[in-house]
Amino acid sequence: MKKVVVLGSTGSIGRQTLEVVKELKYEVVGLGCNKNVDLLKTQLKEFGCEVGAAIVSGDGLFGGLDAYTDLVKSLDFDILVAAASGLSSLKAVLYALEKGKRVALANKEIAVCAGGLLVEAAKKGELIPVDSEHSAIFQCLQAGKEIKSVTITCSGGALRDMPIEKLPYATVEDALRHPNWSMGDKITVDCATMANKAFEVVEAATLFDIPYEKIKVTIHKESLTHGFVTFVDGSIISQVSRPDMRTPIRYALTYPNRSNIDDDFDLIGKTMTFSDYDEKRYPLFKKIVEGSKRSAASSAFIAGLDEGAVGRFLKGDINYLNLHRIITAGVENAPKGNITTADEARAYYDEGVNFAKGYKV
């Protein structure tokens, strides 16, 4: 029986992970959250788990900024699921990989902000992506490495059909009304702006060691094809499944095997369409990709910038137009530099968050 630790267990991906873990009859040995301590304690009791961590701390739990690291260092486990947002689990992820463990990575900030550190640590452990798009590319690459390009699909987000002239007036409720996926608020807003897709391009370049010019993005409104690889002989291999995060979670936990589930999903009667994205509708996509390519420090700063700006939008502090203005200004002011430690990655990320929080619009 596999022993699993889930960081970010109270969030959307964390809760779905626990559903899959229960289905697979794996053992949960550690859980961690940011601040939802009440739910965390309920989960600990449900799974018969004695050890937990909360960044904000709580009675009987590991607490503080290093809570996740302290938790994983105290445990014997096989798989670490990194589903916590931001960089709170970065050190825990690096530790697990360096100890030869499997990390199911459901956090793109770590790859975006500390890609070099992540890839180096993964040489000792096993890194399996959980993002549906990167899981798809990972699966397609099992067919061979002679690639011409990889393509990441994009639903277009909640505002994909709103007239462009009305986008500046889009509300939080509008941006959170995703047509296909059930996800956390921050990532749902990032889908609406396509910032999420920009970060996925950066993550793909890092995880698969693929040049940016070989990574493509296409709008695929049905969210059935999650990614595909075009090989040098003209063959295209894609991964198709329901728009359900439990599918890539399950694959990351069971790889290289696949678990047998009761599912009648097929493609009869379904239509799949693909189209180019509209730069006028999604101006942040290209800005974020180009800005992140400048340096590791730029990439980490921009990830934090987006976190801070989206946070302000969700609180109602700024409107959708100003969300774009803040991120655009931040990208233009992103610092350059290398990242050699987890603390450096965190510092640049926090600098981006603070830029967004302090920017006057």
Protein backbone atom coordinates (compact mmCIF):
# COMPACT_ATOMS: atom_id res chain seq x y z
CA MET A 1 0.00 0.00 0.00
CA LYS A 2 1.39 3.39 -1.03
CA LYS A 3 1.84 6.00 1.67
CA VAL A 4 0.77 9.49 0.59
CA VAL A 5 1.27 13.03 1.89
CA VAL A 6 -1.02 15.75 0.53
CA LEU A 7 -0.01 19.39 0.89
CA GLY A 8 -2.87 21.78 0.19
CA SER A 9 -5.35 19.11 1.20
CA THR A 10 -8.18 21.56 1.93
CA GLY A 11 -8.11 23.17 -1.52
CA SER A 12 -9.92 22.03 -4.66
CA ILE A 13 -7.12 19.79 -5.97
CA GLY A 14 -6.30 18.54 -2.48
CA ARG A 15 -9.88 17.47 -1.80
CA GLN A 16 -10.10 15.69 -5.16
CA THR A 17 -6.76 13.99 -4.43
CA LEU A 18 -8.16 12.59 -1.20
CA GLU A 19 -11.15 11.21 -3.11
CA VAL A 20 -8.76 9.39 -5.45
CA VAL A 21 -6.57 8.18 -2.58
CA LYS A 22 -9.64 6.70 -0.89
CA GLU A 23 -10.66 5.04 -4.16
CA LEU A 24 -7.17 3.54 -4.60
CA LYS A 25 -7.07 2.45 -0.96
CA TYR A 26 -3.72 4.16 -0.43
CA GLU A 27 -2.71 5.25 3.06
CA VAL A 28 -2.66 8.93 4.00
CA VAL A 29 0.19 9.60 6.41
CA GLY A 30 0.33 13.41 6.39
CA LEU A 31 -1.84 16.38 5.43
CA GLY A 32 -1.13 20.09 5.24
CA CYS A 33 -3.03 23.31 4.58
CA ASN A 34 -2.54 27.06 4.73
CA LYS A 35 -5.21 28.23 7.15
CA ASN A 36 -8.33 26.04 6.94
CA VAL A 37 -7.43 24.23 10.14
CA ASP A 38 -10.97 23.07 10.93
CA LEU A 39 -11.31 21.21 7.64
CA LEU A 40 -7.77 19.89 7.96
CA LYS A 41 -8.54 18.35 11.33
CA THR A 42 -11.71 16.79 9.89
CA GLN A 43 -9.62 15.26 7.10
CA LEU A 44 -7.00 13.99 9.53
CA LYS A 45 -9.71 12.25 11.52
CA GLU A 46 -11.41 10.83 8.42
CA PHE A 47 -8.22 9.27 7.09
CA GLY A 48 -6.88 8.15 10.46
CA CYS A 49 -3.85 10.35 10.03
CA GLU A 50 -2.03 11.56 13.12
CA VAL A 51 0.26 14.20 11.61
CA GLY A 52 -0.73 17.50 10.00
CA ALA A 53 0.65 20.94 9.23
CA ALA A 54 -0.90 24.39 8.85
CA ILE A 55 1.08 27.47 7.83
CA VAL A 56 -0.96 29.59 10.25
CA SER A 57 -0.33 26.93 12.91
CA GLY A 58 -2.82 25.21 15.13
CA ASP A 59 -2.99 23.03 18.19
CA GLY A 60 -1.11 19.79 17.65
CA LEU A 61 0.03 20.72 14.12
CA PHE A 62 3.31 21.72 12.55
CA GLY A 63 3.06 25.48 11.99
CA GLY A 64 4.85 28.44 10.46
CA LEU A 65 6.52 29.05 7.10
CA ASP A 66 8.43 25.77 7.26
CA ALA A 67 5.44 23.70 8.39
CA TYR A 68 5.27 21.61 5.22
CA THR A 69 8.98 20.88 5.26
CA ASP A 70 8.88 19.92 8.92
CA LEU A 71 5.93 17.64 8.19
CA VAL A 72 7.52 15.70 5.33
CA LYS A 73 10.81 15.37 7.20
CA SER A 74 8.96 13.66 10.03
CA LEU A 75 7.28 11.05 7.85
CA ASP A 76 7.93 7.83 5.99
CA PHE A 77 6.06 8.15 2.68
CA ASP A 78 6.11 7.12 -0.97
CA ILE A 79 4.31 9.96 -2.74
CA LEU A 80 4.06 13.67 -2.00
CA VAL A 81 1.17 15.49 -3.68
CA ALA A 82 2.04 19.17 -3.94
CA ALA A 83 -1.32 20.92 -4.30
CA ALA A 84 -0.67 23.95 -2.11
CA SER A 85 -0.72 27.33 -3.83
CA GLY A 86 2.24 29.66 -4.16
CA LEU A 87 5.68 28.60 -2.95
CA SER A 88 4.68 27.36 0.49
CA SER A 89 5.57 23.76 -0.43
CA LEU A 90 8.72 24.47 -2.47
CA LYS A 91 11.23 23.31 0.14
CA ALA A 92 9.12 20.25 0.97
CA VAL A 93 8.98 19.30 -2.72
CA LEU A 94 12.74 19.69 -3.16
CA TYR A 95 13.37 17.66 0.00
CA ALA A 96 11.08 14.83 -1.16
CA LEU A 97 12.72 14.64 -4.59
CA GLU A 98 16.22 14.71 -3.14
CA LYS A 99 15.22 11.77 -0.92
CA GLY A 100 14.19 9.79 -3.99
CA LYS A 101 10.43 10.12 -3.49
CA ARG A 102 7.71 10.63 -6.09
CA VAL A 103 6.24 14.12 -6.25
CA ALA A 104 2.89 14.57 -7.95
CA LEU A 105 3.17 18.25 -8.84
CA ALA A 106 -0.16 20.10 -8.95
CA ASN A 107 1.43 23.48 -8.36
CA LYS A 108 2.72 25.40 -11.37
CA GLU A 109 4.30 28.22 -9.32
CA ILE A 110 7.08 25.89 -8.21
CA ALA A 111 8.03 25.02 -11.79
CA VAL A 112 7.69 28.64 -12.90
CA CYS A 113 9.61 30.19 -10.01
CA ALA A 114 12.22 27.53 -9.25
CA GLY A 115 12.40 25.42 -12.39
CA GLY A 116 16.15 24.92 -12.29
CA LEU A 117 16.08 23.75 -8.69
CA LEU A 118 13.12 21.47 -9.39
CA VAL A 119 14.71 19.78 -12.41
CA GLU A 120 17.98 19.23 -10.55
CA ALA A 121 16.23 17.69 -7.53
CA ALA A 122 14.10 15.51 -9.81
CA LYS A 123 17.26 13.70 -10.95
CA LYS A 124 17.19 11.91 -7.60
CA GLY A 125 13.43 11.43 -7.33
CA GLU A 126 10.43 11.08 -9.60
CA LEU A 127 8.44 14.09 -10.77
CA ILE A 128 4.98 13.48 -12.29
CA PRO A 129 2.90 16.50 -13.40
CA VAL A 130 -0.73 16.75 -12.31
CA ASP A 131 -1.86 19.76 -14.35
CA SER A 132 -4.18 18.20 -16.93
CA GLU A 133 -2.21 19.70 -19.83
CA HIS A 134 1.19 18.62 -18.57
CA SER A 135 -0.10 15.20 -17.61
CA ALA A 136 -1.35 14.91 -21.20
CA ILE A 137 2.03 15.91 -22.67
CA PHE A 138 3.81 13.57 -20.26
CA GLN A 139 1.62 10.68 -21.40
CA CYS A 140 2.00 11.50 -25.09
CA LEU A 141 5.78 11.64 -24.78
CA GLN A 142 5.79 7.99 -23.75
CA ALA A 143 5.43 7.32 -27.49
CA GLY A 144 8.81 8.84 -28.32
CA LYS A 145 11.10 11.85 -28.03
CA GLU A 146 11.44 12.81 -31.71
CA ILE A 147 9.07 15.73 -31.37
CA LYS A 148 8.33 18.59 -33.73
CA SER A 149 6.12 20.46 -31.28
CA VAL A 150 3.87 20.11 -28.24
CA THR A 151 0.48 21.77 -28.02
CA ILE A 152 -1.26 22.80 -24.83
CA THR A 153 -5.01 23.22 -25.09
CA CYS A 154 -7.02 26.01 -23.53
CA SER A 155 -10.76 26.24 -22.94
CA GLY A 156 -10.69 30.01 -23.28
CA GLY A 157 -12.00 30.53 -19.78
CA ALA A 158 -15.18 32.07 -18.46
CA LEU A 159 -15.01 35.20 -20.62
CA ARG A 160 -14.21 33.55 -23.94
CA ASP A 161 -17.55 34.54 -25.52
CA MET A 162 -17.98 37.96 -23.92
CA PRO A 163 -17.71 40.77 -26.50
CA ILE A 164 -14.22 42.29 -26.30
CA GLU A 165 -15.60 45.79 -25.75
CA LYS A 166 -17.34 44.54 -22.59
CA LEU A 167 -14.30 42.81 -21.06
CA PRO A 168 -13.14 45.86 -19.08
CA TYR A 169 -16.44 45.68 -17.19
CA ALA A 170 -16.29 41.94 -16.42
CA THR A 171 -17.06 41.21 -12.77
CA VAL A 172 -15.50 38.67 -10.44
CA GLU A 173 -18.63 36.57 -10.82
CA ASP A 174 -18.25 36.68 -14.61
CA ALA A 175 -14.61 35.59 -14.44
CA LEU A 176 -15.38 32.70 -12.08
CA ARG A 177 -18.14 31.21 -14.24
CA HIS A 178 -15.93 28.62 -15.97
CA PRO A 179 -17.87 26.62 -18.57
CA ASN A 180 -16.03 23.30 -18.15
CA TRP A 181 -13.85 23.00 -15.06
CA SER A 182 -14.45 23.18 -11.33
CA MET A 183 -11.33 24.76 -9.82
CA GLY A 184 -10.17 27.26 -7.22
CA ASP A 185 -10.97 30.95 -7.66
CA LYS A 186 -7.43 32.11 -8.46
CA ILE A 187 -6.78 29.61 -11.23
CA THR A 188 -10.26 30.23 -12.67
CA VAL A 189 -9.50 33.95 -13.03
CA ASP A 190 -6.14 33.04 -14.56
CA CYS A 191 -8.03 30.95 -17.12
CA ALA A 192 -10.15 33.97 -18.01
CA THR A 193 -7.04 36.10 -18.69
CA MET A 194 -4.98 33.19 -20.09
CA ALA A 195 -2.26 34.01 -17.56
CA ASN A 196 -2.66 30.41 -16.47
CA LYS A 197 -1.85 29.21 -19.97
CA ALA A 198 1.21 31.46 -20.13
CA PHE A 199 2.55 29.92 -16.94
CA GLU A 200 1.79 26.46 -18.33
CA VAL A 201 4.01 27.25 -21.33
CA VAL A 202 6.83 28.17 -18.94
CA GLU A 203 6.18 25.01 -16.93
CA ALA A 204 6.20 22.83 -20.05
CA ALA A 205 9.50 24.30 -21.20
CA THR A 206 10.96 23.50 -17.77
CA LEU A 207 9.51 20.06 -17.11
CA PHE A 208 10.08 18.62 -20.57
CA ASP A 209 13.20 20.58 -21.58
CA ILE A 210 11.48 21.85 -24.72
CA PRO A 211 12.40 25.12 -26.47
CA TYR A 212 9.71 27.78 -26.26
CA GLU A 213 9.42 27.93 -30.02
CA LYS A 214 8.23 24.30 -30.04
CA ILE A 215 5.40 24.93 -27.58
CA LYS A 216 2.03 25.92 -29.01
CA VAL A 217 -1.32 26.85 -27.49
CA THR A 218 -4.73 26.31 -29.04
CA ILE A 219 -8.25 27.19 -27.95
CA HIS A 220 -10.25 23.99 -27.47
CA LYS A 221 -13.61 24.90 -26.00
CA GLU A 222 -14.73 21.35 -25.28
CA SER A 223 -11.83 20.61 -22.85
CA LEU A 224 -11.67 16.98 -23.94
CA THR A 225 -8.20 16.97 -25.53
CA HIS A 226 -5.80 18.21 -22.87
CA GLY A 227 -2.66 18.27 -24.95
CA PHE A 228 -0.98 16.68 -27.93
CA VAL A 229 2.46 16.06 -29.35
CA THR A 230 3.37 16.35 -33.01
CA PHE A 231 6.26 14.08 -33.98
CA VAL A 232 8.79 14.66 -36.74
CA ASP A 233 7.11 12.08 -38.98
CA GLY A 234 3.86 14.07 -38.94
CA SER A 235 2.07 11.83 -36.45
CA ILE A 236 0.05 13.52 -33.70
CA ILE A 237 -0.68 11.75 -30.44
CA SER A 238 -3.15 13.32 -28.02
CA GLN A 239 -4.59 12.55 -24.60
CA VAL A 240 -8.38 12.76 -24.34
CA SER A 241 -10.52 12.45 -21.22
CA ARG A 242 -13.26 14.16 -19.27
CA PRO A 243 -12.51 17.66 -17.92
CA ASP A 244 -12.02 16.15 -14.45
CA MET A 245 -8.88 16.74 -12.41
CA ARG A 246 -9.23 13.35 -10.77
CA THR A 247 -8.02 11.76 -14.02
CA PRO A 248 -4.51 13.30 -14.01
CA ILE A 249 -4.35 12.97 -10.22
CA ARG A 250 -5.10 9.27 -10.49
CA TYR A 251 -2.49 8.80 -13.21
CA ALA A 252 0.20 10.59 -11.17
CA LEU A 253 -0.51 8.36 -8.18
CA THR A 254 -0.57 5.06 -10.09
CA TYR A 255 2.02 5.68 -12.87
CA PRO A 256 3.26 3.70 -14.77
CA ASN A 257 0.07 1.69 -14.24
CA ARG A 258 -3.54 2.79 -14.67
CA SER A 259 -6.32 2.06 -12.21
CA ASN A 260 -9.54 0.44 -13.38
CA ILE A 261 -12.53 2.72 -12.77
CA ASP A 262 -16.22 2.50 -13.62
CA ASP A 263 -16.49 5.11 -16.37
CA ASP A 264 -18.58 5.04 -19.55
CA PHE A 265 -16.83 8.02 -21.19
CA ASP A 266 -16.44 7.78 -24.96
CA LEU A 267 -16.37 10.12 -27.97
CA ILE A 268 -19.59 9.09 -29.67
CA GLY A 269 -21.61 12.22 -30.45
CA LYS A 270 -18.89 14.56 -29.21
CA THR A 271 -17.22 17.30 -31.26
CA MET A 272 -13.72 18.67 -30.80
CA THR A 273 -12.68 22.00 -32.29
CA PHE A 274 -9.36 23.84 -32.24
CA SER A 275 -8.55 27.45 -33.05
CA ASP A 276 -5.92 30.13 -32.51
CA TYR A 277 -6.25 32.38 -29.48
CA ASP A 278 -7.11 36.06 -29.96
CA GLU A 279 -4.34 38.36 -28.72
CA LYS A 280 -6.83 41.21 -28.30
CA ARG A 281 -8.95 39.11 -25.96
CA TYR A 282 -5.96 37.68 -24.08
CA PRO A 283 -3.22 40.36 -24.13
CA LEU A 284 -1.54 39.03 -20.98
CA PHE A 285 -0.63 35.67 -22.49
CA LYS A 286 2.21 36.82 -24.72
CA LYS A 287 3.38 39.46 -22.22
CA ILE A 288 3.78 36.89 -19.44
CA VAL A 289 5.52 34.32 -21.63
CA GLU A 290 7.98 36.84 -23.05
CA GLY A 291 8.61 38.38 -19.63
CA SER A 292 9.19 35.00 -18.00
CA LYS A 293 11.72 34.02 -20.66
CA ARG A 294 14.07 36.84 -19.65
CA SER A 295 15.44 35.13 -16.55
CA ALA A 296 14.57 32.88 -13.62
CA ALA A 297 14.13 35.95 -11.41
CA SER A 298 11.73 37.52 -13.91
CA SER A 299 9.66 34.35 -14.02
CA ALA A 300 9.37 34.13 -10.23
CA PHE A 301 8.54 37.83 -9.92
CA ILE A 302 5.79 37.59 -12.55
CA ALA A 303 4.24 34.56 -10.86
CA GLY A 304 4.03 36.53 -7.62
CA LEU A 305 2.79 39.57 -9.51
CA ASP A 306 -0.14 37.58 -10.86
CA GLU A 307 -0.89 36.16 -7.41
CA GLY A 308 -1.05 39.65 -5.92
CA ALA A 309 -3.05 41.21 -8.74
CA VAL A 310 -5.63 38.42 -8.90
CA GLY A 311 -5.96 38.58 -5.12
CA ARG A 312 -6.87 42.26 -5.38
CA PHE A 313 -9.38 41.53 -8.15
CA LEU A 314 -11.07 38.76 -6.16
CA LYS A 315 -11.40 41.08 -3.16
CA GLY A 316 -13.05 43.73 -5.33
CA ASP A 317 -10.18 46.18 -4.83
CA ILE A 318 -9.61 46.53 -8.59
CA ASN A 319 -11.63 45.85 -11.74
CA TYR A 320 -10.79 43.53 -14.62
CA LEU A 321 -9.18 46.31 -16.66
CA ASN A 322 -6.89 47.32 -13.81
CA LEU A 323 -5.96 43.68 -13.25
CA HIS A 324 -4.44 43.79 -16.72
CA ARG A 325 -2.81 47.18 -16.10
CA ILE A 326 -1.07 45.99 -12.94
CA ILE A 327 0.27 42.81 -14.51
CA THR A 328 1.43 44.66 -17.63
CA ALA A 329 3.28 47.24 -15.52
CA GLY A 330 4.81 44.55 -13.37
CA VAL A 331 6.05 42.52 -16.32
CA GLU A 332 7.73 45.64 -17.69
CA ASN A 333 9.50 46.15 -14.35
CA ALA A 334 10.40 42.54 -13.63
CA PRO A 335 13.97 42.08 -12.34
CA LYS A 336 16.55 39.93 -14.05
CA GLY A 337 18.82 37.41 -12.37
CA ASN A 338 19.52 33.78 -11.58
CA ILE A 339 17.95 31.72 -8.81
CA THR A 340 20.19 29.31 -6.92
CA THR A 341 18.20 28.68 -3.73
CA ALA A 342 14.61 28.24 -2.64
CA ASP A 343 14.89 31.39 -0.53
CA GLU A 344 15.89 33.42 -3.59
CA ALA A 345 12.89 32.10 -5.51
CA ARG A 346 10.65 33.04 -2.62
CA ALA A 347 12.15 36.53 -2.39
CA TYR A 348 11.52 37.32 -6.06
CA TYR A 349 8.02 35.85 -5.85
CA ASP A 350 7.21 37.97 -2.79
CA GLU A 351 8.62 41.02 -4.56
CA GLY A 352 6.12 40.45 -7.34
CA VAL A 353 3.24 40.01 -4.89
CA ASN A 354 4.17 43.24 -3.14
CA PHE A 355 4.48 45.14 -6.43
CA ALA A 356 0.91 44.13 -7.31
CA LYS A 357 -0.46 44.91 -3.87
CA GLY A 358 1.15 48.36 -3.80
CA TYR A 359 0.49 49.44 -7.38
CA LYS A 360 -1.87 52.40 -7.58
CA VAL A 361 -4.42 52.37 -10.39
